Amino acid sequence: MDDEYGNDYITITDEDGNEFELEHLDTIEYDSRIYMAFVPADKDEEDEDYGLIILRVTENDGEELLTTLDDDDELNVIFERFVERLSDESEDINDDIG
């Protein structure tokens, strides 16, 4: 992801046809799978409890799709990896500022 112009935003549609705009924070590869972390684009910057949304990149008929993680164990492992990476990045930014 190129951060030169800021983070990327995507619009996703859920099973009920509702659209949501998400801000892409990071992408990781784990166990030969690609995972992406997002937050709601309309999150309140003051609210640290906005919730991290983790989706897996899958392929269906040559088209890349984002899917939810149904396995709680898989979700927990990937969540911890993202939290670790994102907190490391936050510390690096604070070090650069300070």
PDB file of N, CA and C in Angstrom:
ATOM      1  N   MET A   1       0.849  -1.175   0.000  1.00  0.00           N
ATOM      2  CA  MET A   1       0.000   0.000   0.000  1.00  0.00           C
ATOM      3  C   MET A   1       0.887   1.228   0.000  1.00  0.00           C
ATOM      4  N   ASP A   2       0.582   2.198  -0.817  1.00  0.00           N
ATOM      5  CA  ASP A   2       1.346   3.426  -0.908  1.00  0.00           C
ATOM      6  C   ASP A   2       0.725   4.457   0.024  1.00  0.00           C
ATOM      7  N   ASP A   3       1.470   4.838   1.071  1.00  0.00           N
ATOM      8  CA  ASP A   3       0.954   5.789   2.047  1.00  0.00           C
ATOM      9  C   ASP A   3       1.280   7.231   1.698  1.00  0.00           C
ATOM     10  N   GLU A   4       1.800   7.468   0.503  1.00  0.00           N
ATOM     11  CA  GLU A   4       2.193   8.820   0.128  1.00  0.00           C
ATOM     12  C   GLU A   4       1.011   9.784   0.214  1.00  0.00           C
ATOM     13  N   TYR A   5      -0.171   9.340  -0.137  1.00  0.00           N
ATOM     14  CA  TYR A   5      -1.352  10.191  -0.118  1.00  0.00           C
ATOM     15  C   TYR A   5      -2.317   9.814   0.998  1.00  0.00           C
ATOM     16  N   GLY A   6      -1.870   9.077   1.982  1.00  0.00           N
ATOM     17  CA  GLY A   6      -2.736   8.672   3.079  1.00  0.00           C
ATOM     18  C   GLY A   6      -3.255   7.259   2.878  1.00  0.00           C
ATOM     19  N   ASN A   7      -4.095   6.847   3.780  1.00  0.00           N
ATOM     20  CA  ASN A   7      -4.638   5.487   3.725  1.00  0.00           C
ATOM     21  C   ASN A   7      -5.662   5.344   2.613  1.00  0.00           C
ATOM     22  N   ASP A   8      -5.930   4.108   2.252  1.00  0.00           N
ATOM     23  CA  ASP A   8      -6.908   3.789   1.224  1.00  0.00           C
ATOM     24  C   ASP A   8      -8.275   3.602   1.865  1.00  0.00           C
ATOM     25  N   TYR A   9      -9.302   3.924   1.103  1.00  0.00           N
ATOM     26  CA  TYR A   9     -10.679   3.734   1.549  1.00  0.00           C
ATOM     27  C   TYR A   9     -11.387   2.847   0.540  1.00  0.00           C
ATOM     28  N   ILE A  10     -12.226   1.958   1.057  1.00  0.00           N
ATOM     29  CA  ILE A  10     -13.021   1.109   0.183  1.00  0.00           C
ATOM     30  C   ILE A  10     -14.464   1.136   0.668  1.00  0.00           C
ATOM     31  N   THR A  11     -15.363   0.810  -0.227  1.00  0.00           N
ATOM     32  CA  THR A  11     -16.769   0.653   0.127  1.00  0.00           C
ATOM     33  C   THR A  11     -17.117  -0.813  -0.055  1.00  0.00           C
ATOM     34  N   ILE A  12     -17.679  -1.404   0.993  1.00  0.00           N
ATOM     35  CA  ILE A  12     -18.098  -2.803   0.898  1.00  0.00           C
ATOM     36  C   ILE A  12     -19.612  -2.878   1.075  1.00  0.00           C
ATOM     37  N   THR A  13     -20.178  -3.946   0.567  1.00  0.00           N
ATOM     38  CA  THR A  13     -21.612  -4.176   0.688  1.00  0.00           C
ATOM     39  C   THR A  13     -21.816  -5.473   1.444  1.00  0.00           C
ATOM     40  N   ASP A  14     -22.638  -5.420   2.502  1.00  0.00           N
ATOM     41  CA  ASP A  14     -22.877  -6.638   3.281  1.00  0.00           C
ATOM     42  C   ASP A  14     -23.954  -7.486   2.625  1.00  0.00           C
ATOM     43  N   GLU A  15     -24.284  -8.605   3.267  1.00  0.00           N
ATOM     44  CA  GLU A  15     -25.257  -9.555   2.718  1.00  0.00           C
ATOM     45  C   GLU A  15     -26.646  -8.953   2.538  1.00  0.00           C
ATOM     46  N   ASP A  16     -26.942  -7.890   3.312  1.00  0.00           N
ATOM     47  CA  ASP A  16     -28.264  -7.252   3.243  1.00  0.00           C
ATOM     48  C   ASP A  16     -28.291  -6.073   2.280  1.00  0.00           C
ATOM     49  N   GLY A  17     -27.173  -5.820   1.585  1.00  0.00           N
ATOM     50  CA  GLY A  17     -27.126  -4.727   0.626  1.00  0.00           C
ATOM     51  C   GLY A  17     -26.732  -3.384   1.219  1.00  0.00           C
ATOM     52  N   ASN A  18     -26.364  -3.356   2.513  1.00  0.00           N
ATOM     53  CA  ASN A  18     -25.938  -2.112   3.148  1.00  0.00           C
ATOM     54  C   ASN A  18     -24.488  -1.817   2.777  1.00  0.00           C
ATOM     55  N   GLU A  19     -24.197  -0.555   2.455  1.00  0.00           N
ATOM     56  CA  GLU A  19     -22.846  -0.170   2.085  1.00  0.00           C
ATOM     57  C   GLU A  19     -22.143   0.489   3.266  1.00  0.00           C
ATOM     58  N   PHE A  20     -20.842   0.176   3.403  1.00  0.00           N
ATOM     59  CA  PHE A  20     -20.024   0.734   4.466  1.00  0.00           C
ATOM     60  C   PHE A  20     -18.692   1.179   3.871  1.00  0.00           C
ATOM     61  N   GLU A  21     -18.225   2.341   4.297  1.00  0.00           N
ATOM     62  CA  GLU A  21     -16.914   2.803   3.869  1.00  0.00           C
ATOM     63  C   GLU A  21     -15.914   2.462   4.965  1.00  0.00           C
ATOM     64  N   LEU A  22     -14.802   1.841   4.561  1.00  0.00           N
ATOM     65  CA  LEU A  22     -13.778   1.409   5.497  1.00  0.00           C
ATOM     66  C   LEU A  22     -12.436   2.024   5.129  1.00  0.00           C
ATOM     67  N   GLU A  23     -11.639   2.299   6.157  1.00  0.00           N
ATOM     68  CA  GLU A  23     -10.286   2.781   5.967  1.00  0.00           C
ATOM     69  C   GLU A  23      -9.327   1.606   6.129  1.00  0.00           C
ATOM     70  N   HIS A  24      -8.501   1.362   5.125  1.00  0.00           N
ATOM     71  CA  HIS A  24      -7.543   0.263   5.151  1.00  0.00           C
ATOM     72  C   HIS A  24      -6.329   0.666   5.973  1.00  0.00           C
ATOM     73  N   LEU A  25      -6.006  -0.122   6.997  1.00  0.00           N
ATOM     74  CA  LEU A  25      -4.871   0.172   7.863  1.00  0.00           C
ATOM     75  C   LEU A  25      -3.621  -0.617   7.513  1.00  0.00           C
ATOM     76  N   ASP A  26      -3.788  -1.898   7.207  1.00  0.00           N
ATOM     77  CA  ASP A  26      -2.621  -2.741   7.001  1.00  0.00           C
ATOM     78  C   ASP A  26      -3.037  -4.045   6.324  1.00  0.00           C
ATOM     79  N   THR A  27      -2.053  -4.706   5.730  1.00  0.00           N
ATOM     80  CA  THR A  27      -2.238  -6.012   5.105  1.00  0.00           C
ATOM     81  C   THR A  27      -1.107  -6.915   5.561  1.00  0.00           C
ATOM     82  N   ILE A  28      -1.444  -8.149   5.911  1.00  0.00           N
ATOM     83  CA  ILE A  28      -0.415  -9.115   6.283  1.00  0.00           C
ATOM     84  C   ILE A  28      -0.671 -10.431   5.558  1.00  0.00           C
ATOM     85  N   GLU A  29       0.399 -11.219   5.447  1.00  0.00           N
ATOM     86  CA  GLU A  29       0.284 -12.579   4.943  1.00  0.00           C
ATOM     87  C   GLU A  29       0.602 -13.505   6.103  1.00  0.00           C
ATOM     88  N   TYR A  30      -0.255 -14.495   6.293  1.00  0.00           N
ATOM     89  CA  TYR A  30      -0.055 -15.471   7.362  1.00  0.00           C
ATOM     90  C   TYR A  30      -0.555 -16.820   6.863  1.00  0.00           C
ATOM     91  N   ASP A  31       0.264 -17.832   6.991  1.00  0.00           N
ATOM     92  CA  ASP A  31      -0.099 -19.187   6.600  1.00  0.00           C
ATOM     93  C   ASP A  31      -0.605 -19.228   5.148  1.00  0.00           C
ATOM     94  N   SER A  32       0.115 -18.526   4.264  1.00  0.00           N
ATOM     95  CA  SER A  32      -0.180 -18.475   2.824  1.00  0.00           C
ATOM     96  C   SER A  32      -1.523 -17.821   2.502  1.00  0.00           C
ATOM     97  N   ARG A  33      -2.045 -17.021   3.415  1.00  0.00           N
ATOM     98  CA  ARG A  33      -3.292 -16.297   3.173  1.00  0.00           C
ATOM     99  C   ARG A  33      -3.044 -14.807   3.410  1.00  0.00           C
ATOM    100  N   ILE A  34      -3.812 -13.978   2.714  1.00  0.00           N
ATOM    101  CA  ILE A  34      -3.693 -12.537   2.838  1.00  0.00           C
ATOM    102  C   ILE A  34      -4.871 -12.018   3.671  1.00  0.00           C
ATOM    103  N   TYR A  35      -4.549 -11.174   4.655  1.00  0.00           N
ATOM    104  CA  TYR A  35      -5.549 -10.579   5.534  1.00  0.00           C
ATOM    105  C   TYR A  35      -5.400  -9.061   5.500  1.00  0.00           C
ATOM    106  N   MET A  36      -6.527  -8.366   5.610  1.00  0.00           N
ATOM    107  CA  MET A  36      -6.519  -6.911   5.611  1.00  0.00           C
ATOM    108  C   MET A  36      -7.257  -6.400   6.849  1.00  0.00           C
ATOM    109  N   ALA A  37      -6.704  -5.343   7.445  1.00  0.00           N
ATOM    110  CA  ALA A  37      -7.316  -4.732   8.619  1.00  0.00           C
ATOM    111  C   ALA A  37      -7.911  -3.376   8.231  1.00  0.00           C
ATOM    112  N   PHE A  38      -9.112  -3.128   8.724  1.00  0.00           N
ATOM    113  CA  PHE A  38      -9.838  -1.896   8.432  1.00  0.00           C
ATOM    114  C   PHE A  38     -10.449  -1.328   9.709  1.00  0.00           C
ATOM    115  N   VAL A  39     -10.795  -0.053   9.651  1.00  0.00           N
ATOM    116  CA  VAL A  39     -11.651   0.583  10.657  1.00  0.00           C
ATOM    117  C   VAL A  39     -12.744   1.311   9.886  1.00  0.00           C
ATOM    118  N   PRO A  40     -13.891   1.532  10.523  1.00  0.00           N
ATOM    119  CA  PRO A  40     -14.928   2.315   9.837  1.00  0.00           C
ATOM    120  C   PRO A  40     -14.391   3.696   9.487  1.00  0.00           C
ATOM    121  N   ALA A  41     -14.675   4.155   8.278  1.00  0.00           N
ATOM    122  CA  ALA A  41     -14.172   5.454   7.826  1.00  0.00           C
ATOM    123  C   ALA A  41     -14.755   6.595   8.643  1.00  0.00           C
ATOM    124  N   ASP A  42     -15.925   6.395   9.226  1.00  0.00           N
ATOM    125  CA  ASP A  42     -16.562   7.458  10.002  1.00  0.00           C
ATOM    126  C   ASP A  42     -16.281   7.338  11.495  1.00  0.00           C
ATOM    127  N   LYS A  43     -15.198   6.639  11.849  1.00  0.00           N
ATOM    128  CA  LYS A  43     -14.867   6.443  13.269  1.00  0.00           C
ATOM    129  C   LYS A  43     -14.551   7.783  13.926  1.00  0.00           C
ATOM    130  N   ASP A  44     -14.787   7.851  15.210  1.00  0.00           N
ATOM    131  CA  ASP A  44     -14.453   9.030  16.007  1.00  0.00           C
ATOM    132  C   ASP A  44     -13.011   8.879  16.462  1.00  0.00           C
ATOM    133  N   GLU A  45     -12.145   9.818  16.081  1.00  0.00           N
ATOM    134  CA  GLU A  45     -10.721   9.735  16.421  1.00  0.00           C
ATOM    135  C   GLU A  45     -10.492   9.671  17.925  1.00  0.00           C
ATOM    136  N   GLU A  46     -11.398  10.222  18.712  1.00  0.00           N
ATOM    137  CA  GLU A  46     -11.261  10.225  20.166  1.00  0.00           C
ATOM    138  C   GLU A  46     -11.642   8.880  20.783  1.00  0.00           C
ATOM    139  N   ASP A  47     -12.420   8.091  20.059  1.00  0.00           N
ATOM    140  CA  ASP A  47     -12.925   6.816  20.563  1.00  0.00           C
ATOM    141  C   ASP A  47     -11.957   5.701  20.193  1.00  0.00           C
ATOM    142  N   GLU A  48     -11.209   5.192  21.171  1.00  0.00           N
ATOM    143  CA  GLU A  48     -10.253   4.121  20.898  1.00  0.00           C
ATOM    144  C   GLU A  48     -10.931   2.761  20.796  1.00  0.00           C
ATOM    145  N   ASP A  49     -12.210   2.676  21.085  1.00  0.00           N
ATOM    146  CA  ASP A  49     -12.943   1.413  21.072  1.00  0.00           C
ATOM    147  C   ASP A  49     -13.815   1.308  19.818  1.00  0.00           C
ATOM    148  N   TYR A  50     -13.258   1.674  18.658  1.00  0.00           N
ATOM    149  CA  TYR A  50     -14.034   1.695  17.424  1.00  0.00           C
ATOM    150  C   TYR A  50     -14.095   0.344  16.745  1.00  0.00           C
ATOM    151  N   GLY A  51     -13.218  -0.581  17.078  1.00  0.00           N
ATOM    152  CA  GLY A  51     -13.276  -1.928  16.531  1.00  0.00           C
ATOM    153  C   GLY A  51     -12.492  -2.099  15.251  1.00  0.00           C
ATOM    154  N   LEU A  52     -11.661  -3.083  15.240  1.00  0.00           N
ATOM    155  CA  LEU A  52     -10.851  -3.429  14.086  1.00  0.00           C
ATOM    156  C   LEU A  52     -11.618  -4.472  13.277  1.00  0.00           C
ATOM    157  N   ILE A  53     -11.709  -4.252  11.984  1.00  0.00           N
ATOM    158  CA  ILE A  53     -12.402  -5.183  11.098  1.00  0.00           C
ATOM    159  C   ILE A  53     -11.343  -5.929  10.297  1.00  0.00           C
ATOM    160  N   ILE A  54     -11.340  -7.252  10.401  1.00  0.00           N
ATOM    161  CA  ILE A  54     -10.354  -8.072   9.703  1.00  0.00           C
ATOM    162  C   ILE A  54     -11.072  -8.924   8.663  1.00  0.00           C
ATOM    163  N   LEU A  55     -10.585  -8.829   7.425  1.00  0.00           N
ATOM    164  CA  LEU A  55     -11.155  -9.600   6.327  1.00  0.00           C
ATOM    165  C   LEU A  55     -10.038 -10.364   5.626  1.00  0.00           C
ATOM    166  N   ARG A  56     -10.381 -11.519   5.089  1.00  0.00           N
ATOM    167  CA  ARG A  56      -9.417 -12.343   4.350  1.00  0.00           C
ATOM    168  C   ARG A  56      -9.665 -12.153   2.859  1.00  0.00           C
ATOM    169  N   VAL A  57      -8.579 -12.075   2.104  1.00  0.00           N
ATOM    170  CA  VAL A  57      -8.677 -11.976   0.650  1.00  0.00           C
ATOM    171  C   VAL A  57      -8.825 -13.393   0.105  1.00  0.00           C
ATOM    172  N   THR A  58      -9.885 -13.619  -0.637  1.00  0.00           N
ATOM    173  CA  THR A  58     -10.120 -14.913  -1.272  1.00  0.00           C
ATOM    174  C   THR A  58     -10.315 -14.688  -2.769  1.00  0.00           C
ATOM    175  N   GLU A  59     -10.255 -15.762  -3.528  1.00  0.00           N
ATOM    176  CA  GLU A  59     -10.450 -15.658  -4.964  1.00  0.00           C
ATOM    177  C   GLU A  59     -11.603 -16.554  -5.368  1.00  0.00           C
ATOM    178  N   ASN A  60     -12.472 -16.008  -6.213  1.00  0.00           N
ATOM    179  CA  ASN A  60     -13.619 -16.756  -6.708  1.00  0.00           C
ATOM    180  C   ASN A  60     -13.749 -16.452  -8.197  1.00  0.00           C
ATOM    181  N   ASP A  61     -13.552 -17.446  -9.028  1.00  0.00           N
ATOM    182  CA  ASP A  61     -13.606 -17.290 -10.489  1.00  0.00           C
ATOM    183  C   ASP A  61     -12.681 -16.184 -10.976  1.00  0.00           C
ATOM    184  N   GLY A  62     -11.470 -16.115 -10.395  1.00  0.00           N
ATOM    185  CA  GLY A  62     -10.481 -15.135 -10.814  1.00  0.00           C
ATOM    186  C   GLY A  62     -10.682 -13.747 -10.245  1.00  0.00           C
ATOM    187  N   GLU A  63     -11.704 -13.561  -9.442  1.00  0.00           N
ATOM    188  CA  GLU A  63     -11.988 -12.262  -8.845  1.00  0.00           C
ATOM    189  C   GLU A  63     -11.620 -12.287  -7.363  1.00  0.00           C
ATOM    190  N   GLU A  64     -10.883 -11.260  -6.906  1.00  0.00           N
ATOM    191  CA  GLU A  64     -10.538 -11.176  -5.487  1.00  0.00           C
ATOM    192  C   GLU A  64     -11.722 -10.633  -4.700  1.00  0.00           C
ATOM    193  N   LEU A  65     -12.019 -11.317  -3.606  1.00  0.00           N
ATOM    194  CA  LEU A  65     -13.111 -10.918  -2.727  1.00  0.00           C
ATOM    195  C   LEU A  65     -12.593 -10.793  -1.307  1.00  0.00           C
ATOM    196  N   LEU A  66     -13.252  -9.977  -0.500  1.00  0.00           N
ATOM    197  CA  LEU A  66     -12.956  -9.878   0.924  1.00  0.00           C
ATOM    198  C   LEU A  66     -14.033 -10.644   1.674  1.00  0.00           C
ATOM    199  N   THR A  67     -13.599 -11.575   2.535  1.00  0.00           N
ATOM    200  CA  THR A  67     -14.548 -12.388   3.278  1.00  0.00           C
ATOM    201  C   THR A  67     -14.257 -12.305   4.773  1.00  0.00           C
ATOM    202  N   THR A  68     -15.281 -12.544   5.562  1.00  0.00           N
ATOM    203  CA  THR A  68     -15.126 -12.542   7.011  1.00  0.00           C
ATOM    204  C   THR A  68     -14.461 -13.833   7.454  1.00  0.00           C
ATOM    205  N   LEU A  69     -13.914 -13.810   8.651  1.00  0.00           N
ATOM    206  CA  LEU A  69     -13.280 -14.992   9.231  1.00  0.00           C
ATOM    207  C   LEU A  69     -14.291 -15.651  10.160  1.00  0.00           C
ATOM    208  N   ASP A  70     -14.677 -16.874   9.827  1.00  0.00           N
ATOM    209  CA  ASP A  70     -15.674 -17.584  10.617  1.00  0.00           C
ATOM    210  C   ASP A  70     -15.062 -18.394  11.753  1.00  0.00           C
ATOM    211  N   ASP A  71     -13.781 -18.692  11.655  1.00  0.00           N
ATOM    212  CA  ASP A  71     -13.087 -19.485  12.670  1.00  0.00           C
ATOM    213  C   ASP A  71     -12.534 -18.558  13.752  1.00  0.00           C
ATOM    214  N   ASP A  72     -13.019 -18.704  14.985  1.00  0.00           N
ATOM    215  CA  ASP A  72     -12.596 -17.830  16.089  1.00  0.00           C
ATOM    216  C   ASP A  72     -11.103 -17.941  16.379  1.00  0.00           C
ATOM    217  N   ASP A  73     -10.541 -19.144  16.269  1.00  0.00           N
ATOM    218  CA  ASP A  73      -9.108 -19.318  16.516  1.00  0.00           C
ATOM    219  C   ASP A  73      -8.287 -18.557  15.472  1.00  0.00           C
ATOM    220  N   GLU A  74      -8.675 -18.682  14.218  1.00  0.00           N
ATOM    221  CA  GLU A  74      -7.992 -17.956  13.144  1.00  0.00           C
ATOM    222  C   GLU A  74      -8.120 -16.445  13.371  1.00  0.00           C
ATOM    223  N   LEU A  75      -9.314 -15.996  13.700  1.00  0.00           N
ATOM    224  CA  LEU A  75      -9.544 -14.570  13.940  1.00  0.00           C
ATOM    225  C   LEU A  75      -8.673 -14.052  15.078  1.00  0.00           C
ATOM    226  N   ASN A  76      -8.576 -14.796  16.164  1.00  0.00           N
ATOM    227  CA  ASN A  76      -7.775 -14.369  17.309  1.00  0.00           C
ATOM    228  C   ASN A  76      -6.295 -14.254  16.955  1.00  0.00           C
ATOM    229  N   VAL A  77      -5.769 -15.224  16.209  1.00  0.00           N
ATOM    230  CA  VAL A  77      -4.358 -15.197  15.813  1.00  0.00           C
ATOM    231  C   VAL A  77      -4.084 -13.985  14.923  1.00  0.00           C
ATOM    232  N   ILE A  78      -4.929 -13.773  13.937  1.00  0.00           N
ATOM    233  CA  ILE A  78      -4.727 -12.668  12.998  1.00  0.00           C
ATOM    234  C   ILE A  78      -4.928 -11.331  13.700  1.00  0.00           C
ATOM    235  N   PHE A  79      -5.909 -11.244  14.571  1.00  0.00           N
ATOM    236  CA  PHE A  79      -6.148 -10.011  15.323  1.00  0.00           C
ATOM    237  C   PHE A  79      -4.902  -9.629  16.127  1.00  0.00           C
ATOM    238  N   GLU A  80      -4.320 -10.596  16.823  1.00  0.00           N
ATOM    239  CA  GLU A  80      -3.121 -10.322  17.629  1.00  0.00           C
ATOM    240  C   GLU A  80      -1.959  -9.849  16.763  1.00  0.00           C
ATOM    241  N   ARG A  81      -1.810 -10.436  15.592  1.00  0.00           N
ATOM    242  CA  ARG A  81      -0.731 -10.022  14.680  1.00  0.00           C
ATOM    243  C   ARG A  81      -0.932  -8.582  14.215  1.00  0.00           C
ATOM    244  N   PHE A  82      -2.167  -8.236  13.881  1.00  0.00           N
ATOM    245  CA  PHE A  82      -2.439  -6.860  13.458  1.00  0.00           C
ATOM    246  C   PHE A  82      -2.228  -5.877  14.608  1.00  0.00           C
ATOM    247  N   VAL A  83      -2.707  -6.219  15.789  1.00  0.00           N
ATOM    248  CA  VAL A  83      -2.540  -5.328  16.941  1.00  0.00           C
ATOM    249  C   VAL A  83      -1.050  -5.084  17.200  1.00  0.00           C
ATOM    250  N   GLU A  84      -0.260  -6.145  17.128  1.00  0.00           N
ATOM    251  CA  GLU A  84       1.183  -6.020  17.338  1.00  0.00           C
ATOM    252  C   GLU A  84       1.811  -5.111  16.284  1.00  0.00           C
ATOM    253  N   ARG A  85       1.479  -5.350  15.026  1.00  0.00           N
ATOM    254  CA  ARG A  85       2.043  -4.534  13.938  1.00  0.00           C
ATOM    255  C   ARG A  85       1.604  -3.084  14.040  1.00  0.00           C
ATOM    256  N   LEU A  86       0.333  -2.864  14.291  1.00  0.00           N
ATOM    257  CA  LEU A  86      -0.178  -1.500  14.343  1.00  0.00           C
ATOM    258  C   LEU A  86       0.364  -0.744  15.544  1.00  0.00           C
ATOM    259  N   SER A  87       0.551  -1.428  16.674  1.00  0.00           N
ATOM    260  CA  SER A  87       1.118  -0.746  17.840  1.00  0.00           C
ATOM    261  C   SER A  87       2.595  -0.458  17.613  1.00  0.00           C
ATOM    262  N   ASP A  88       3.319  -1.343  16.916  1.00  0.00           N
ATOM    263  CA  ASP A  88       4.718  -1.088  16.566  1.00  0.00           C
ATOM    264  C   ASP A  88       4.829   0.134  15.658  1.00  0.00           C
ATOM    265  N   GLU A  89       3.941   0.232  14.668  1.00  0.00           N
ATOM    266  CA  GLU A  89       3.948   1.381  13.769  1.00  0.00           C
ATOM    267  C   GLU A  89       3.645   2.664  14.526  1.00  0.00           C
ATOM    268  N   SER A  90       2.708   2.600  15.453  1.00  0.00           N
ATOM    269  CA  SER A  90       2.350   3.774  16.256  1.00  0.00           C
ATOM    270  C   SER A  90       3.541   4.229  17.095  1.00  0.00           C
ATOM    271  N   GLU A  91       4.268   3.282  17.676  1.00  0.00           N
ATOM    272  CA  GLU A  91       5.444   3.622  18.471  1.00  0.00           C
ATOM    273  C   GLU A  91       6.531   4.253  17.595  1.00  0.00           C
ATOM    274  N   ASP A  92       6.715   3.727  16.376  1.00  0.00           N
ATOM    275  CA  ASP A  92       7.705   4.284  15.448  1.00  0.00           C
ATOM    276  C   ASP A  92       7.351   5.718  15.099  1.00  0.00           C
ATOM    277  N   ILE A  93       6.074   5.993  14.863  1.00  0.00           N
ATOM    278  CA  ILE A  93       5.638   7.359  14.533  1.00  0.00           C
ATOM    279  C   ILE A  93       5.876   8.281  15.720  1.00  0.00           C
ATOM    280  N   ASN A  94       5.528   7.827  16.912  1.00  0.00           N
ATOM    281  CA  ASN A  94       5.749   8.658  18.109  1.00  0.00           C
ATOM    282  C   ASN A  94       7.233   8.915  18.345  1.00  0.00           C
ATOM    283  N   ASP A  95       8.088   7.935  18.061  1.00  0.00           N
ATOM    284  CA  ASP A  95       9.521   8.133  18.188  1.00  0.00           C
ATOM    285  C   ASP A  95      10.020   9.193  17.208  1.00  0.00           C
ATOM    286  N   ASP A  96       9.471   9.164  15.986  1.00  0.00           N
ATOM    287  CA  ASP A  96       9.878  10.138  14.967  1.00  0.00           C
ATOM    288  C   ASP A  96       9.433  11.553  15.350  1.00  0.00           C
ATOM    289  N   ILE A  97       8.273  11.675  15.986  1.00  0.00           N
ATOM    290  CA  ILE A  97       7.736  12.979  16.373  1.00  0.00           C
ATOM    291  C   ILE A  97       8.491  13.526  17.575  1.00  0.00           C
ATOM    292  N   GLY A  98       8.749  12.651  18.553  1.00  0.00           N
ATOM    293  CA  GLY A  98       9.348  13.052  19.822  1.00  0.00           C
ATOM    294  C   GLY A  98      10.787  13.291  19.671  1.00  0.00           C
TER     295      GLY A  98
END
